[in-house]
Amino acid sequence: MPSPANYPSTPDGRYFVVKDRLWRMSNPDLDPAQRQALVNALMQARRQVGAAKKAADPEAERRARAAVDDAKRGLGERGPVWWNDGAPDFNRKLVADTPYADWYATL
């Protein structure tokens, strides 16, 4: 996944947009050390996915993908939303199909 810094983020800071699709940002309230540990774990897990695919080891790939998911959940990019105002989650939705459509059309 590309860095959110290179893509427009929604005015509320919940998502960034890649190829007309919303992707949830990390929880901005995470402690910096905790965030860094989770990012490190995510990068390691992604490297493990690549190594498992190269080795054609489906079990290792399954474990590595689970580790990616765990890290992304810890960062708040998957799983329960990190905001508490009751707004729904539009992660991975096309911007045009969300309340962010008008905002995105002005970019």
Protein backbone atom coordinates (compact mmCIF):
# COMPACT_ATOMS: atom_id res chain seq x y z
CA MET A 1 0.00 0.00 0.00
CA PRO A 2 1.38 3.41 -0.94
CA SER A 3 2.21 5.97 1.69
CA PRO A 4 -0.80 8.12 2.65
CA ALA A 5 1.49 11.19 2.55
CA ASN A 6 1.51 10.92 -1.26
CA TYR A 7 -2.28 10.85 -1.63
CA PRO A 8 -5.11 13.19 -0.68
CA SER A 9 -6.58 12.63 2.75
CA THR A 10 -10.16 13.37 3.66
CA PRO A 11 -10.84 16.57 5.59
CA ASP A 12 -11.58 14.57 8.75
CA GLY A 13 -8.27 12.68 8.47
CA ARG A 14 -9.90 9.26 8.50
CA TYR A 15 -8.95 8.12 4.98
CA PHE A 16 -6.55 8.69 2.13
CA VAL A 17 -7.48 8.06 -1.50
CA VAL A 18 -5.72 5.78 -3.97
CA LYS A 19 -7.22 5.14 -7.41
CA ASP A 20 -10.60 6.58 -6.35
CA ARG A 21 -10.82 4.28 -3.33
CA LEU A 22 -10.76 5.21 0.37
CA TRP A 23 -8.20 3.57 2.65
CA ARG A 24 -8.36 4.03 6.40
CA MET A 25 -5.57 6.01 8.02
CA SER A 26 -3.80 4.81 11.13
CA ASN A 27 -5.17 5.90 14.48
CA PRO A 28 -3.62 9.32 15.13
CA ASP A 29 -3.98 8.81 18.89
CA LEU A 30 -1.51 5.93 19.06
CA ASP A 31 1.55 6.50 21.19
CA PRO A 32 4.49 7.19 18.82
CA ALA A 33 6.53 4.27 20.18
CA GLN A 34 3.56 1.92 19.85
CA ARG A 35 2.90 3.16 16.30
CA GLN A 36 6.55 2.59 15.34
CA ALA A 37 6.54 -0.92 16.81
CA LEU A 38 3.40 -1.76 14.82
CA VAL A 39 4.85 -0.28 11.60
CA ASN A 40 8.02 -2.32 12.14
CA ALA A 41 5.92 -5.46 12.66
CA LEU A 42 3.91 -4.67 9.53
CA MET A 43 7.01 -4.22 7.38
CA GLN A 44 8.52 -7.44 8.73
CA ALA A 45 5.30 -9.33 8.05
CA ARG A 46 5.16 -7.97 4.51
CA ARG A 47 8.72 -9.14 3.91
CA GLN A 48 7.70 -12.56 5.24
CA VAL A 49 4.78 -12.68 2.81
CA GLY A 50 7.19 -12.06 -0.06
CA ALA A 51 9.65 -14.67 1.16
CA ALA A 52 6.89 -17.24 1.61
CA LYS A 53 5.54 -16.59 -1.88
CA LYS A 54 9.03 -16.88 -3.35
CA ALA A 55 9.52 -20.16 -1.48
CA ALA A 56 6.05 -21.38 -2.54
CA ASP A 57 5.24 -22.08 1.12
CA PRO A 58 1.48 -21.59 1.55
CA GLU A 59 1.54 -22.20 5.31
CA ALA A 60 4.26 -19.59 5.88
CA GLU A 61 2.37 -17.20 3.62
CA ARG A 62 -0.82 -17.74 5.64
CA ARG A 63 1.04 -16.98 8.88
CA ALA A 64 2.69 -13.92 7.38
CA ARG A 65 -0.61 -12.58 6.06
CA ALA A 66 -2.13 -13.07 9.50
CA ALA A 67 0.75 -11.05 10.96
CA VAL A 68 0.07 -8.27 8.41
CA ASP A 69 -3.58 -8.26 9.45
CA ASP A 70 -2.66 -8.15 13.15
CA ALA A 71 -0.38 -5.15 12.61
CA LYS A 72 -2.96 -3.31 10.51
CA ARG A 73 -5.61 -3.92 13.17
CA GLY A 74 -3.24 -2.61 15.81
CA LEU A 75 -2.67 0.52 13.74
CA GLY A 76 -6.43 0.98 13.36
CA GLU A 77 -6.40 0.50 9.60
CA ARG A 78 -8.62 -2.58 9.87
CA GLY A 79 -11.09 -3.86 12.41
CA PRO A 80 -13.10 -1.53 14.63
CA VAL A 81 -12.86 2.13 13.71
CA TRP A 82 -10.70 4.38 15.88
CA TRP A 83 -13.12 7.31 15.95
CA ASN A 84 -15.99 7.43 18.41
CA ASP A 85 -18.63 9.67 16.86
CA GLY A 86 -20.64 6.77 15.41
CA ALA A 87 -19.72 7.54 11.78
CA PRO A 88 -19.68 4.44 9.57
CA ASP A 89 -16.55 2.94 8.06
CA PHE A 90 -15.99 3.50 4.34
CA ASN A 91 -12.66 1.68 4.17
CA ARG A 92 -11.94 0.31 0.68
CA LYS A 93 -15.09 1.91 -0.77
CA LEU A 94 -15.10 3.96 -3.95
CA VAL A 95 -15.10 7.64 -3.00
CA ALA A 96 -17.99 8.29 -5.39
CA ASP A 97 -20.18 5.94 -3.33
CA THR A 98 -19.55 7.73 -0.02
CA PRO A 99 -20.30 11.07 1.64
CA TYR A 100 -16.78 12.15 0.55
CA ALA A 101 -17.80 12.25 -3.13
CA ASP A 102 -18.41 16.01 -3.27
CA TRP A 103 -15.13 16.76 -1.47
CA TYR A 104 -13.18 14.49 -3.83
CA ALA A 105 -14.80 16.01 -6.92
CA THR A 106 -13.35 19.40 -5.96
CA LEU A 107 -9.74 18.15 -6.01
